[in-house]
């Protein structure tokens, strides 16, 4: 019952073990986030052609006549 008291022994190995699990989990999540981010960019680029945006649909601004300087 009193084998694992904080005062009785060091838990350094247990803390190192838990720390390694946390680091491995964080690395896995980071890799997944980067993979989803890159996949989202590629997915978005694949659908840009379906928007049918043409240069002919863009209208140039009307030129404004310049006032003569005295």
Protein backbone atom coordinates (compact mmCIF):
# COMPACT_ATOMS: atom_id res chain seq x y z
CA UNK A 1 0.00 0.00 0.00
CA UNK A 2 2.82 2.42 0.82
CA UNK A 3 5.23 1.20 -1.88
CA UNK A 4 4.84 4.14 -4.28
CA UNK A 5 4.77 7.15 -2.00
CA UNK A 6 6.34 10.29 -3.40
CA UNK A 7 8.63 10.51 -0.41
CA UNK A 8 9.80 6.90 -0.61
CA UNK A 9 11.25 6.64 -4.14
CA UNK A 10 12.04 8.60 -7.27
CA UNK A 11 9.63 8.42 -10.19
CA UNK A 12 12.12 9.70 -12.72
CA UNK A 13 11.77 6.72 -15.07
CA UNK A 14 7.99 6.91 -14.97
CA UNK A 15 8.04 10.63 -15.77
CA UNK A 16 10.50 10.07 -18.65
CA UNK A 17 8.27 7.33 -20.03
CA UNK A 18 5.18 9.53 -19.90
CA UNK A 19 7.12 12.40 -21.46
CA UNK A 20 8.18 10.25 -24.38
CA UNK A 21 4.56 9.24 -25.00
CA UNK A 22 3.52 12.90 -25.01
CA UNK A 23 6.30 13.85 -27.41
CA UNK A 24 5.51 10.97 -29.79
CA UNK A 25 1.81 11.87 -29.72
CA UNK A 26 2.57 15.54 -30.43
CA UNK A 27 4.81 14.58 -33.37
CA UNK A 28 2.09 12.34 -34.81
CA UNK A 29 -0.48 15.13 -34.53
CA UNK A 30 1.94 17.60 -36.11
CA UNK A 31 2.59 15.28 -39.07
CA UNK A 32 -1.15 14.74 -39.55
CA UNK A 33 -1.87 18.48 -39.43
CA UNK A 34 0.84 19.23 -42.00
CA UNK A 35 -0.42 16.40 -44.22
CA UNK A 36 -4.01 17.67 -44.09
CA UNK A 37 -2.83 21.24 -44.75
CA UNK A 38 -0.83 20.20 -47.83
CA UNK A 39 -3.65 17.94 -49.05
CA UNK A 40 -6.08 20.84 -48.68
CA UNK A 41 -3.88 23.06 -50.81
CA UNK A 42 -3.66 20.41 -53.54
CA UNK A 43 -7.41 19.78 -53.35
CA UNK A 44 -8.15 23.49 -53.68
CA UNK A 45 -5.79 23.87 -56.66
CA UNK A 46 -7.53 20.98 -58.43
CA UNK A 47 -10.87 22.78 -58.25
CA UNK A 48 -9.71 26.20 -59.41
CA UNK A 49 -10.36 25.30 -63.07
CA UNK A 50 -14.04 24.64 -62.37
CA UNK A 51 -14.72 28.26 -61.44
CA UNK A 52 -14.75 29.31 -65.14
CA UNK A 53 -13.12 32.65 -64.49
CA UNK A 54 -11.99 34.20 -67.75
CA UNK A 55 -10.08 37.34 -68.47
CA UNK A 56 -12.78 38.48 -70.88
CA UNK A 57 -15.26 38.76 -68.04
CA UNK A 58 -13.11 41.31 -66.24
CA UNK A 59 -13.89 44.92 -67.16
CA UNK A 60 -11.17 47.53 -67.45
CA UNK A 61 -11.78 50.88 -65.75
CA UNK A 62 -13.00 53.80 -67.86
CA UNK A 63 -10.16 56.24 -68.63
CA UNK A 64 -10.61 59.66 -66.99
CA UNK A 65 -9.69 62.68 -69.15
CA UNK A 66 -6.91 64.74 -67.62
CA UNK A 67 -7.51 68.45 -66.97
CA UNK A 68 -5.23 70.89 -68.79
CA UNK A 69 -2.69 72.58 -66.63
CA UNK A 70 -2.44 76.41 -66.86
